[in-house]
Amino acid sequence: MRSLVVCLILLCCSASCGSKYYRSIRLSEFTINSKNKSTKIINRIPDYGDGRREGCIIMPQIRVELQTQADTLIFGRVTDVDTRKPLIGANVKSISKAGIETRLTTDSLGAFKFAGRLRHLEVSLLGYRNFTARL
């Protein structure tokens, strides 16, 4: 009986998370000065779902764009990876190379700015998959 229940669970999960969904899912994206830096994202494999890269639970992904000026002033924008609409009220946590932690919230355009040389960046918003990048 127990093996029958396990088989049914696996069957249901494979049916709801079929490979046709994996092709249409876009993962989080990260750019610095318009150059793709998505390899710097450290949490691209989720801790939920069926263990595949995208997991079984589908959550919207975050896109972060950074622009630097004079190596100390950083402007950022947080958007939805699919729609490119700004994510208002996203929590942004940055840790500078000096170890200073800064917490900000994005404005109505999904924008934020801070000073310092970036070492670590985390972005979170309810309903979206958390974004973490290490530079």
Protein backbone atom coordinates (compact mmCIF):
# COMPACT_ATOMS: atom_id res chain seq x y z
CA MET A 1 0.00 0.00 0.00
CA ARG A 2 2.81 2.38 0.90
CA SER A 3 4.56 1.79 -2.43
CA LEU A 4 1.29 2.47 -4.27
CA VAL A 5 0.97 5.85 -2.52
CA VAL A 6 4.57 6.73 -3.39
CA CYS A 7 3.97 5.78 -7.02
CA LEU A 8 0.85 7.94 -7.18
CA ILE A 9 2.69 10.92 -5.69
CA LEU A 10 5.53 10.55 -8.18
CA LEU A 11 3.10 10.19 -11.05
CA CYS A 12 1.19 13.32 -10.04
CA CYS A 13 4.36 15.36 -9.61
CA SER A 14 5.77 14.26 -12.97
CA ALA A 15 2.46 15.06 -14.67
CA SER A 16 2.23 18.53 -13.13
CA CYS A 17 5.92 19.31 -13.67
CA GLY A 18 6.31 17.89 -17.15
CA SER A 19 9.18 18.87 -19.38
CA LYS A 20 6.93 21.16 -21.47
CA TYR A 21 6.95 23.65 -18.57
CA TYR A 22 10.73 23.66 -18.22
CA ARG A 23 11.28 25.10 -21.66
CA SER A 24 9.19 28.20 -20.98
CA ILE A 25 10.63 29.12 -17.56
CA ARG A 26 13.18 31.91 -17.45
CA LEU A 27 15.59 31.98 -14.54
CA SER A 28 16.69 35.09 -12.66
CA GLU A 29 18.86 37.52 -14.62
CA PHE A 30 21.62 39.88 -13.49
CA THR A 31 23.38 42.63 -15.43
CA ILE A 32 26.07 45.15 -14.50
CA ASN A 33 26.53 48.09 -16.87
CA SER A 34 24.42 46.20 -19.47
CA LYS A 35 26.71 43.14 -19.39
CA ASN A 36 25.24 39.76 -18.46
CA LYS A 37 26.52 38.64 -15.05
CA SER A 38 23.95 35.90 -14.38
CA THR A 39 26.77 33.49 -13.49
CA LYS A 40 27.23 35.54 -10.29
CA ILE A 41 23.79 34.46 -9.03
CA ILE A 42 24.39 31.90 -6.29
CA ASN A 43 20.88 30.54 -5.69
CA ARG A 44 19.78 29.37 -9.12
CA ILE A 45 19.02 25.84 -7.88
CA PRO A 46 15.94 25.99 -5.66
CA ASP A 47 15.54 24.25 -2.33
CA TYR A 48 12.05 23.05 -3.22
CA GLY A 49 10.36 20.94 -5.85
CA ASP A 50 11.67 17.90 -7.61
CA GLY A 51 15.38 18.74 -7.53
CA ARG A 52 15.56 19.95 -11.11
CA ARG A 53 16.96 23.37 -11.82
CA GLU A 54 13.57 25.08 -11.87
CA GLY A 55 11.95 22.83 -9.26
CA CYS A 56 8.36 21.71 -9.32
CA ILE A 57 6.91 24.85 -7.75
CA ILE A 58 6.89 27.64 -10.30
CA MET A 59 7.62 31.08 -8.83
CA PRO A 60 8.20 34.30 -10.76
CA GLN A 61 11.85 35.24 -11.12
CA ILE A 62 13.60 38.56 -10.44
CA ARG A 63 15.81 40.53 -12.85
CA VAL A 64 18.35 42.96 -11.36
CA GLU A 65 20.14 45.59 -13.43
CA LEU A 66 23.00 47.59 -11.91
CA GLN A 67 24.74 50.69 -13.28
CA THR A 68 27.91 51.92 -11.62
CA GLN A 69 29.36 55.42 -11.58
CA ALA A 70 32.90 56.14 -10.43
CA ASP A 71 33.12 52.68 -8.77
CA THR A 72 31.37 53.93 -5.63
CA LEU A 73 27.82 54.91 -6.63
CA ILE A 74 25.53 52.09 -7.72
CA PHE A 75 22.09 52.51 -9.28
CA GLY A 76 19.87 49.45 -9.52
CA ARG A 77 16.52 48.43 -10.94
CA VAL A 78 14.48 45.36 -9.98
CA THR A 79 11.99 43.98 -12.49
CA ASP A 80 10.04 40.81 -13.26
CA VAL A 81 12.18 38.61 -15.51
CA ASP A 82 9.29 37.84 -17.90
CA THR A 83 7.26 41.06 -18.05
CA ARG A 84 10.10 43.51 -17.26
CA LYS A 85 7.64 45.46 -15.11
CA PRO A 86 9.20 47.20 -12.08
CA LEU A 87 8.87 45.42 -8.74
CA ILE A 88 7.73 48.06 -6.28
CA GLY A 89 8.64 47.57 -2.63
CA ALA A 90 11.23 44.84 -3.17
CA ASN A 91 13.68 44.48 -0.27
CA VAL A 92 17.29 45.03 -1.30
CA LYS A 93 20.17 44.10 0.99
CA SER A 94 23.72 44.89 -0.03
CA ILE A 95 27.00 44.17 1.68
CA SER A 96 29.95 46.28 0.59
CA LYS A 97 33.54 45.06 0.33
CA ALA A 98 34.17 46.95 3.60
CA GLY A 99 31.51 44.78 5.27
CA ILE A 100 28.88 47.52 5.59
CA GLU A 101 25.33 46.24 5.27
CA THR A 102 22.69 48.46 3.64
CA ARG A 103 18.98 47.67 3.42
CA LEU A 104 16.75 49.52 0.98
CA THR A 105 13.31 49.24 -0.60
CA THR A 106 12.69 49.82 -4.30
CA ASP A 107 10.61 52.84 -5.36
CA SER A 108 7.69 53.07 -7.81
CA LEU A 109 10.06 52.43 -10.73
CA GLY A 110 11.69 49.44 -9.05
CA ALA A 111 14.83 51.53 -8.57
CA PHE A 112 17.32 51.84 -5.71
CA LYS A 113 20.78 53.35 -5.19
CA PHE A 114 23.59 53.05 -2.69
CA ALA A 115 27.22 53.99 -2.28
CA GLY A 116 30.14 51.62 -1.86
CA ARG A 117 31.79 48.74 -3.63
CA LEU A 118 29.44 45.81 -3.84
CA ARG A 119 30.38 42.34 -2.56
CA HIS A 120 26.98 40.70 -1.99
CA LEU A 121 23.42 41.54 -3.10
CA GLU A 122 20.10 40.03 -2.01
CA VAL A 123 16.66 40.96 -3.35
CA SER A 124 13.38 39.60 -2.04
CA LEU A 125 9.70 40.27 -2.63
CA LEU A 126 6.70 38.29 -1.47
CA GLY A 127 5.54 35.95 -4.23
CA TYR A 128 8.90 35.98 -6.02
CA ARG A 129 11.87 33.70 -5.75
CA ASN A 130 14.69 35.29 -3.72
CA PHE A 131 17.66 36.61 -5.67
CA THR A 132 21.22 36.41 -4.30
CA ALA A 133 24.41 37.38 -6.13
CA ARG A 134 28.01 37.41 -4.95
CA LEU A 135 30.60 39.54 -6.73
